[in-house]
Amino acid sequence: MVRVYTRRKTAAHHKANAAVAESVDKPIELPIIDFADLQGDENTRRSAAAELDQGFQTYGFVYLANHSIPQEMVDEAFYWAGRFFELPLDIKMLGARRANRPSLKFNRGYVPEKTEYDTREFMPSERTRGLELSPPERKETFEMGNPFLGEGGPNYWATHHALPGFKEFQYRWWKMCIALQQKLLRVLGEVFGLRDEKLFCKQEAHNDSHMTIAHYPNMPITPLKSRQQRWFNPHTNMGGLSLMFQNEISGLEVHNDNVFKPVRPILGTILLSVGEMLERQTNGRWKCALQQVALPDSHTLERDFKPNSDVVDRFSIEYHGMPDPQIHIHALPDCPDGKWMPNLGDSPCPHDSPTSYELQDKRVKEERYGPGVFKPRGVSDCDGYYVAPDGWVQV
């Protein structure tokens, strides 16, 4: 067992006011973890584990290099993402997420721009105080659950006939992501020093995870520079460990030292990030960081774009590992004394130890309807309809 942690007295990373946080141009210096080192001999594993642990404590993010997903597979995933989002809106809407079914089971399908409440409206106030000043977002997504789970909600493949090969690739892509996720969960158990090093694996035995393919459409540089517009406002990931794939266009920023810092894409790496559930399970030891998608860093702009021109489309793919629905999310028994975060704060559910399903379901409903709001904006009472930017569309 490799125990690598050091004591942290407070959870100061939750005290920052992200509303007034500026973006700086200097990229964040995230650790680059070689996956082979995490599986090497005792000394090599210990060194890599310590670096990963420190990265999650400090940033909530690390790069993972030399992982098990070939770059050709990643390139193909972005190829299919581009093909999907270039389809006409009416075709994409055939597979739209069911607007009148705001539950976790139906959190699948195509989501057009401007159909969700911004995350700032329901996140814990200490993280997002003042974010009501944030501008509207610009993104569209395709949401998927594990296609191999019969008991999960349906994936909406209605656009399959318009894009032959898309569905078949996603099945292969899911297999690759699931396999890597399970290997990483085993490593995390060792890094954290769990007596049962396979506990994280056991808690995700069903691989009931979620995947988001996101398209951030081309838009003028000027409003991005002035912060009149962001592609994706400050938010956190909900679940456990997330695998994040970026294309060559930067824009992702992570909140650290009271500012947002750009995360440059590094070819051949995956970003690993800590979600809210994993932060809670580690009693705040590992940081669930605020992130946003804003202006590409100056290096990218100077290399690829003219002043006052448009930024071209950006794509990202995120695999969000989730503990199985029945797992209660609380600080694990192996958290030494629970002193990194003495006060975890009020649970977002009525009881002290909410399940993974309850936390996810609440988040989905608040994203769809807003906090405490039961009537969605622009959603028909008639089942099977969705509101598009230019009118009602039957799905």
Protein backbone atom coordinates (compact mmCIF):
# COMPACT_ATOMS: atom_id res chain seq x y z
CA MET A 1 0.00 0.00 0.00
CA VAL A 2 1.36 3.43 -0.97
CA ARG A 3 0.33 6.11 1.54
CA VAL A 4 1.45 9.47 0.25
CA TYR A 5 -0.78 12.10 1.81
CA THR A 6 0.25 14.97 4.06
CA ARG A 7 -1.97 16.83 6.50
CA ARG A 8 -3.92 19.88 5.34
CA LYS A 9 -5.45 22.00 8.08
CA THR A 10 -8.13 23.83 6.14
CA ALA A 11 -10.00 23.73 2.89
CA ALA A 12 -9.02 27.19 1.77
CA HIS A 13 -9.67 26.29 -1.85
CA HIS A 14 -13.39 26.73 -1.17
CA LYS A 15 -13.15 30.28 0.15
CA ALA A 16 -12.45 32.11 -3.09
CA ASN A 17 -15.02 34.42 -4.65
CA ALA A 18 -15.06 33.28 -8.25
CA ALA A 19 -17.35 36.11 -9.32
CA VAL A 20 -14.57 38.66 -9.13
CA ALA A 21 -11.82 36.31 -10.27
CA GLU A 22 -10.01 37.51 -13.34
CA SER A 23 -8.44 35.37 -16.01
CA VAL A 24 -4.68 35.52 -16.39
CA ASP A 25 -2.72 34.60 -19.46
CA LYS A 26 -0.04 32.47 -17.80
CA PRO A 27 -1.08 28.81 -18.10
CA ILE A 28 -1.60 26.75 -15.00
CA GLU A 29 1.29 24.36 -14.37
CA LEU A 30 -0.51 21.09 -13.80
CA PRO A 31 1.51 17.96 -13.06
CA ILE A 32 1.94 15.54 -15.95
CA ILE A 33 1.52 12.00 -14.61
CA ASP A 34 2.88 9.11 -16.64
CA PHE A 35 0.35 6.30 -16.40
CA ALA A 36 3.13 3.73 -16.76
CA ASP A 37 4.78 5.11 -13.60
CA LEU A 38 1.58 4.50 -11.64
CA GLN A 39 1.91 0.83 -12.54
CA GLY A 40 5.69 0.50 -12.14
CA ASP A 41 7.85 -0.75 -9.28
CA GLU A 42 7.30 0.34 -5.67
CA ASN A 43 9.55 3.42 -5.77
CA THR A 44 8.27 4.58 -9.16
CA ARG A 45 4.65 4.15 -8.07
CA ARG A 46 5.28 5.99 -4.82
CA SER A 47 6.79 8.99 -6.61
CA ALA A 48 4.03 9.17 -9.25
CA ALA A 49 1.32 8.68 -6.61
CA ALA A 50 2.72 11.53 -4.52
CA GLU A 51 2.69 13.82 -7.55
CA LEU A 52 -0.88 12.86 -8.44
CA ASP A 53 -2.02 13.33 -4.84
CA GLN A 54 -0.42 16.77 -4.64
CA GLY A 55 -1.92 17.76 -7.99
CA PHE A 56 -5.42 16.83 -6.84
CA GLN A 57 -4.90 18.68 -3.55
CA THR A 58 -3.58 21.84 -5.18
CA TYR A 59 -5.44 22.06 -8.48
CA GLY A 60 -8.08 19.34 -8.68
CA PHE A 61 -6.62 18.54 -12.12
CA VAL A 62 -3.63 16.67 -13.56
CA TYR A 63 -2.54 15.65 -17.04
CA LEU A 64 -2.31 11.91 -17.70
CA ALA A 65 0.23 10.82 -20.32
CA ASN A 66 0.92 7.41 -21.90
CA HIS A 67 -2.57 6.17 -21.09
CA SER A 68 -4.31 3.22 -22.72
CA ILE A 69 -6.42 5.06 -25.33
CA PRO A 70 -4.56 5.42 -28.66
CA GLN A 71 -4.32 8.93 -30.10
CA GLU A 72 -5.92 7.63 -33.29
CA MET A 73 -9.00 6.71 -31.25
CA VAL A 74 -9.11 10.17 -29.65
CA ASP A 75 -8.78 11.80 -33.07
CA GLU A 76 -11.65 9.69 -34.38
CA ALA A 77 -13.80 10.70 -31.40
CA PHE A 78 -13.32 14.37 -32.31
CA TYR A 79 -13.96 13.59 -35.97
CA TRP A 80 -17.37 12.17 -35.08
CA ALA A 81 -18.08 15.08 -32.74
CA GLY A 82 -17.52 17.51 -35.59
CA ARG A 83 -19.67 15.45 -37.95
CA PHE A 84 -22.52 15.33 -35.44
CA PHE A 85 -22.66 19.03 -34.63
CA GLU A 86 -22.50 20.11 -38.26
CA LEU A 87 -25.82 18.35 -38.89
CA PRO A 88 -28.82 20.67 -39.45
CA LEU A 89 -30.62 21.64 -36.25
CA ASP A 90 -33.84 19.86 -37.20
CA ILE A 91 -31.90 16.61 -37.65
CA LYS A 92 -30.09 16.97 -34.32
CA MET A 93 -33.40 17.73 -32.62
CA LEU A 94 -34.69 14.31 -33.63
CA GLY A 95 -32.47 13.00 -30.84
CA ALA A 96 -33.08 15.85 -28.40
CA ARG A 97 -33.14 15.34 -24.66
CA ARG A 98 -36.72 15.03 -23.39
CA ALA A 99 -37.48 18.50 -22.08
CA ASN A 100 -40.51 17.56 -20.00
CA ARG A 101 -38.73 14.72 -18.18
CA PRO A 102 -36.23 16.45 -15.91
CA SER A 103 -34.74 13.42 -14.23
CA LEU A 104 -31.43 11.62 -14.30
CA LYS A 105 -32.87 8.72 -16.28
CA PHE A 106 -33.71 11.00 -19.20
CA ASN A 107 -30.57 13.14 -19.11
CA ARG A 108 -29.57 11.89 -22.54
CA GLY A 109 -29.60 13.28 -26.05
CA TYR A 110 -28.91 16.50 -27.91
CA VAL A 111 -29.07 19.76 -25.94
CA PRO A 112 -29.16 22.95 -28.04
CA GLU A 113 -27.88 26.31 -26.90
CA LYS A 114 -29.70 28.32 -24.21
CA THR A 115 -31.94 25.55 -22.88
CA GLU A 116 -30.37 25.11 -19.43
CA TYR A 117 -30.07 27.25 -16.34
CA ASP A 118 -26.54 28.42 -15.76
CA THR A 119 -24.71 26.40 -13.14
CA ARG A 120 -24.05 29.54 -11.08
CA GLU A 121 -27.73 29.69 -10.09
CA PHE A 122 -27.64 26.64 -7.84
CA MET A 123 -24.05 25.91 -6.89
CA PRO A 124 -22.94 26.45 -3.26
CA SER A 125 -22.80 30.17 -2.61
CA GLU A 126 -19.30 30.16 -1.12
CA ARG A 127 -17.94 29.03 -4.49
CA THR A 128 -19.98 31.26 -6.77
CA ARG A 129 -20.90 34.35 -4.79
CA GLY A 130 -21.76 37.11 -7.26
CA LEU A 131 -21.84 34.93 -10.35
CA GLU A 132 -25.28 36.28 -11.16
CA LEU A 133 -23.26 38.80 -13.15
CA SER A 134 -22.07 36.08 -15.52
CA PRO A 135 -23.02 36.43 -19.19
CA PRO A 136 -24.99 33.83 -21.18
CA GLU A 137 -23.21 30.70 -22.33
CA ARG A 138 -22.56 29.48 -25.86
CA LYS A 139 -22.49 25.70 -26.18
CA GLU A 140 -24.44 22.72 -27.45
CA THR A 141 -23.93 19.17 -26.24
CA PHE A 142 -24.75 15.54 -26.86
CA GLU A 143 -25.31 13.64 -23.60
CA MET A 144 -24.91 9.88 -23.24
CA GLY A 145 -25.10 7.22 -20.58
CA ASN A 146 -23.39 3.84 -20.64
CA PRO A 147 -24.91 2.14 -23.72
CA PHE A 148 -24.19 -1.31 -22.28
CA LEU A 149 -26.44 -0.86 -19.23
CA GLY A 150 -29.92 -2.22 -19.77
CA GLU A 151 -31.34 -0.67 -16.60
CA GLY A 152 -30.20 2.88 -17.37
CA GLY A 153 -32.12 5.49 -19.30
CA PRO A 154 -32.23 5.34 -23.10
CA ASN A 155 -29.65 6.96 -25.33
CA TYR A 156 -31.28 8.85 -28.19
CA TRP A 157 -29.81 7.66 -31.46
CA ALA A 158 -32.51 9.15 -33.69
CA THR A 159 -29.86 10.90 -35.80
CA HIS A 160 -28.16 7.58 -36.51
CA HIS A 161 -29.57 7.24 -40.02
CA ALA A 162 -28.32 10.73 -40.91
CA LEU A 163 -24.83 9.91 -39.63
CA PRO A 164 -23.96 6.25 -40.32
CA GLY A 165 -21.14 4.99 -38.13
CA PHE A 166 -21.64 7.48 -35.28
CA LYS A 167 -23.50 5.09 -32.99
CA GLU A 168 -21.15 2.18 -33.68
CA PHE A 169 -18.12 4.30 -32.86
CA GLN A 170 -19.61 5.48 -29.57
CA TYR A 171 -19.93 1.87 -28.39
CA ARG A 172 -16.22 1.30 -29.08
CA TRP A 173 -15.32 4.62 -27.48
CA TRP A 174 -17.25 3.80 -24.31
CA LYS A 175 -15.40 0.49 -23.96
CA MET A 176 -12.05 2.29 -24.08
CA CYS A 177 -13.08 4.93 -21.53
CA ILE A 178 -14.60 2.38 -19.13
CA ALA A 179 -11.45 0.24 -19.22
CA LEU A 180 -9.19 3.21 -18.46
CA GLN A 181 -11.50 4.52 -15.75
CA GLN A 182 -11.47 1.21 -13.89
CA LYS A 183 -7.66 1.08 -13.98
CA LEU A 184 -7.49 4.62 -12.63
CA LEU A 185 -9.97 3.93 -9.83
CA ARG A 186 -7.75 1.09 -8.66
CA VAL A 187 -4.78 3.47 -8.67
CA LEU A 188 -6.72 6.15 -6.76
CA GLY A 189 -7.50 3.68 -3.99
CA GLU A 190 -3.79 3.06 -3.58
CA VAL A 191 -2.87 6.75 -3.82
CA PHE A 192 -5.41 7.69 -1.15
CA GLY A 193 -4.26 4.88 1.10
CA LEU A 194 -7.55 3.01 1.35
CA ARG A 195 -7.36 -0.23 3.29
CA ASP A 196 -9.52 -1.70 0.55
CA GLU A 197 -7.65 -0.38 -2.47
CA LYS A 198 -10.43 -1.60 -4.77
CA LEU A 199 -13.16 0.36 -2.97
CA PHE A 200 -13.53 3.02 -5.68
CA CYS A 201 -13.75 0.22 -8.28
CA LYS A 202 -16.42 -1.56 -6.26
CA GLN A 203 -18.42 1.65 -5.91
CA GLU A 204 -18.44 2.02 -9.71
CA ALA A 205 -19.05 -1.66 -10.44
CA HIS A 206 -21.89 -0.87 -12.87
CA ASN A 207 -19.95 1.86 -14.70
CA ASP A 208 -23.14 3.92 -14.61
CA SER A 209 -21.25 6.93 -15.94
CA HIS A 210 -22.09 9.91 -18.13
CA MET A 211 -20.44 11.32 -21.22
CA THR A 212 -20.77 14.81 -22.67
CA ILE A 213 -19.64 15.74 -26.17
CA ALA A 214 -19.56 19.54 -26.30
CA HIS A 215 -19.37 22.00 -29.17
CA TYR A 216 -18.48 25.62 -28.49
CA PRO A 217 -19.44 27.44 -31.71
CA ASN A 218 -17.24 29.97 -33.45
CA MET A 219 -17.78 33.51 -32.19
CA PRO A 220 -16.02 36.89 -32.23
CA ILE A 221 -12.89 37.31 -30.11
CA THR A 222 -13.96 40.72 -28.77
CA PRO A 223 -16.81 39.64 -26.42
CA LEU A 224 -14.66 36.77 -25.18
CA LYS A 225 -11.84 39.18 -24.35
CA SER A 226 -14.18 41.62 -22.59
CA ARG A 227 -15.91 38.78 -20.69
CA GLN A 228 -19.24 39.81 -22.17
CA GLN A 229 -19.47 36.20 -23.25
CA ARG A 230 -18.10 32.82 -22.20
CA TRP A 231 -18.49 29.53 -23.93
CA PHE A 232 -19.20 27.90 -20.54
CA ASN A 233 -19.60 29.83 -17.28
CA PRO A 234 -17.86 28.78 -14.02
CA HIS A 235 -19.01 25.35 -12.90
CA THR A 236 -17.87 22.15 -11.23
CA ASN A 237 -18.18 18.52 -12.23
CA MET A 238 -20.70 16.54 -10.23
CA GLY A 239 -19.39 13.02 -9.98
CA GLY A 240 -16.21 11.13 -9.12
CA LEU A 241 -13.20 11.09 -11.43
CA SER A 242 -13.62 12.72 -14.86
CA LEU A 243 -11.61 12.08 -18.02
CA MET A 244 -11.47 15.23 -20.15
CA PHE A 245 -10.32 15.30 -23.76
CA GLN A 246 -9.54 18.64 -25.47
CA ASN A 247 -8.93 19.42 -29.11
CA GLU A 248 -6.18 21.80 -30.21
CA ILE A 249 -8.24 24.95 -29.50
CA SER A 250 -7.69 26.01 -25.90
CA GLY A 251 -10.19 27.86 -23.73
CA LEU A 252 -10.52 25.73 -20.60
CA GLU A 253 -9.57 27.66 -17.45
CA VAL A 254 -9.20 26.37 -13.89
CA HIS A 255 -9.70 28.49 -10.77
CA ASN A 256 -6.52 28.60 -8.68
CA ASP A 257 -4.94 31.28 -6.44
CA ASN A 258 -8.08 33.44 -6.82
CA VAL A 259 -7.79 33.68 -10.62
CA PHE A 260 -8.75 31.57 -13.61
CA LYS A 261 -5.72 30.13 -15.38
CA PRO A 262 -5.72 28.62 -18.90
CA VAL A 263 -5.15 24.91 -19.35
CA ARG A 264 -3.30 24.36 -22.58
CA PRO A 265 -4.05 21.20 -24.55
CA ILE A 266 -1.10 18.81 -24.62
CA LEU A 267 -1.22 16.27 -27.42
CA GLY A 268 -1.46 12.71 -26.19
CA THR A 269 -2.67 13.57 -22.69
CA ILE A 270 -6.01 13.38 -20.89
CA LEU A 271 -7.04 15.78 -18.15
CA LEU A 272 -8.13 14.04 -14.95
CA SER A 273 -10.36 16.11 -12.66
CA VAL A 274 -11.95 15.66 -9.25
CA GLY A 275 -15.75 15.89 -9.08
CA GLU A 276 -17.90 16.99 -6.15
CA MET A 277 -18.65 13.43 -5.02
CA LEU A 278 -14.98 12.45 -4.96
CA GLU A 279 -14.16 15.61 -3.04
CA ARG A 280 -16.78 14.71 -0.45
CA GLN A 281 -15.55 11.12 -0.24
CA THR A 282 -11.99 12.32 0.43
CA ASN A 283 -13.28 14.76 3.06
CA GLY A 284 -12.08 17.69 1.01
CA ARG A 285 -8.55 16.42 0.63
CA TRP A 286 -8.84 16.33 -3.16
CA LYS A 287 -10.13 19.57 -4.61
CA CYS A 288 -13.15 19.90 -6.88
CA ALA A 289 -12.10 23.04 -8.74
CA LEU A 290 -14.19 25.62 -10.50
CA GLN A 291 -13.61 25.68 -14.23
CA GLN A 292 -14.87 27.67 -17.18
CA VAL A 293 -14.43 27.78 -20.94
CA ALA A 294 -13.48 31.26 -22.06
CA LEU A 295 -10.99 32.94 -24.38
CA PRO A 296 -8.21 30.78 -25.84
CA ASP A 297 -4.86 31.79 -24.38
CA SER A 298 -2.70 34.39 -26.13
CA HIS A 299 -0.35 31.75 -27.54
CA THR A 300 -3.26 30.12 -29.39
CA LEU A 301 -4.69 33.48 -30.49
CA GLU A 302 -1.39 34.82 -31.80
CA ARG A 303 -0.66 31.56 -33.60
CA ASP A 304 -4.04 30.95 -35.19
CA PHE A 305 -6.16 34.10 -35.29
CA LYS A 306 -6.16 37.70 -36.47
CA PRO A 307 -7.17 40.51 -34.02
CA ASN A 308 -10.93 41.12 -33.85
CA SER A 309 -11.65 38.04 -35.92
CA ASP A 310 -13.67 34.98 -34.93
CA VAL A 311 -12.47 32.11 -32.78
CA VAL A 312 -13.14 28.85 -34.58
CA ASP A 313 -15.20 26.04 -33.14
CA ARG A 314 -13.92 24.28 -30.04
CA PHE A 315 -14.82 20.71 -29.03
CA SER A 316 -14.37 18.72 -25.85
CA ILE A 317 -15.33 15.23 -24.69
CA GLU A 318 -15.79 14.43 -21.02
CA TYR A 319 -16.32 11.03 -19.42
CA HIS A 320 -17.72 11.54 -15.93
CA GLY A 321 -17.30 8.54 -13.66
CA MET A 322 -20.18 8.18 -11.21
CA PRO A 323 -20.51 5.98 -8.13
CA ASP A 324 -23.32 3.47 -8.57
CA PRO A 325 -26.76 4.98 -7.87
CA GLN A 326 -27.25 3.32 -4.46
CA ILE A 327 -23.85 4.35 -3.04
CA HIS A 328 -24.11 6.83 -0.16
CA ILE A 329 -21.69 9.70 -0.66
CA HIS A 330 -19.86 10.63 2.53
CA ALA A 331 -16.30 10.94 3.80
CA LEU A 332 -14.57 7.58 3.59
CA PRO A 333 -13.49 5.89 6.82
CA ASP A 334 -9.84 6.09 5.79
CA CYS A 335 -9.81 9.90 5.87
CA PRO A 336 -7.37 10.55 8.76
CA ASP A 337 -9.42 12.35 11.42
CA GLY A 338 -11.34 14.25 8.74
CA LYS A 339 -9.33 17.38 9.44
CA TRP A 340 -8.77 18.71 5.94
CA MET A 341 -12.32 20.02 5.83
CA PRO A 342 -13.88 20.08 9.33
CA ASN A 343 -17.20 21.36 7.95
CA LEU A 344 -18.29 19.74 4.73
CA GLY A 345 -21.26 22.08 4.63
CA ASP A 346 -24.93 21.29 4.34
CA SER A 347 -25.78 18.30 2.25
CA PRO A 348 -27.73 19.24 -0.91
CA CYS A 349 -30.24 16.55 0.08
CA PRO A 350 -32.52 16.47 3.18
CA HIS A 351 -30.49 13.79 4.96
CA ASP A 352 -26.82 13.65 5.87
CA SER A 353 -25.64 10.97 3.50
CA PRO A 354 -27.27 11.36 0.07
CA THR A 355 -26.90 8.66 -2.53
CA SER A 356 -25.14 9.13 -5.82
CA TYR A 357 -28.50 8.98 -7.58
CA GLU A 358 -30.02 11.67 -5.36
CA LEU A 359 -27.13 14.05 -5.91
CA GLN A 360 -27.13 13.53 -9.67
CA ASP A 361 -30.90 13.78 -10.00
CA LYS A 362 -31.05 17.01 -8.02
CA ARG A 363 -28.31 18.53 -10.15
CA VAL A 364 -30.06 17.58 -13.38
CA LYS A 365 -33.38 19.06 -12.25
CA GLU A 366 -31.76 22.30 -11.16
CA GLU A 367 -29.91 22.61 -14.44
CA ARG A 368 -33.19 22.12 -16.28
CA TYR A 369 -35.61 24.08 -14.10
CA GLY A 370 -33.49 26.19 -11.77
CA PRO A 371 -33.30 25.87 -7.97
CA GLY A 372 -36.71 25.30 -6.42
CA VAL A 373 -38.48 25.96 -9.72
CA PHE A 374 -40.86 23.28 -10.96
CA LYS A 375 -42.10 24.88 -14.16
CA PRO A 376 -39.37 24.95 -16.81
CA ARG A 377 -38.83 27.90 -19.08
CA GLY A 378 -40.14 27.34 -22.58
CA VAL A 379 -41.12 23.70 -22.09
CA SER A 380 -44.42 22.40 -23.37
CA ASP A 381 -46.82 20.45 -21.16
CA CYS A 382 -47.21 18.07 -24.08
CA ASP A 383 -44.90 15.08 -24.00
CA GLY A 384 -42.53 14.75 -26.90
CA TYR A 385 -41.93 18.41 -27.76
CA TYR A 386 -38.86 20.54 -27.28
CA VAL A 387 -38.38 24.26 -27.84
CA ALA A 388 -35.70 25.14 -30.34
CA PRO A 389 -34.32 28.67 -30.90
CA ASP A 390 -36.68 29.20 -33.81
CA GLY A 391 -39.80 27.49 -32.47
CA TRP A 392 -41.35 24.22 -31.29
CA VAL A 393 -39.95 20.98 -32.59
CA GLN A 394 -41.59 17.60 -32.20
CA VAL A 395 -39.23 14.87 -31.07
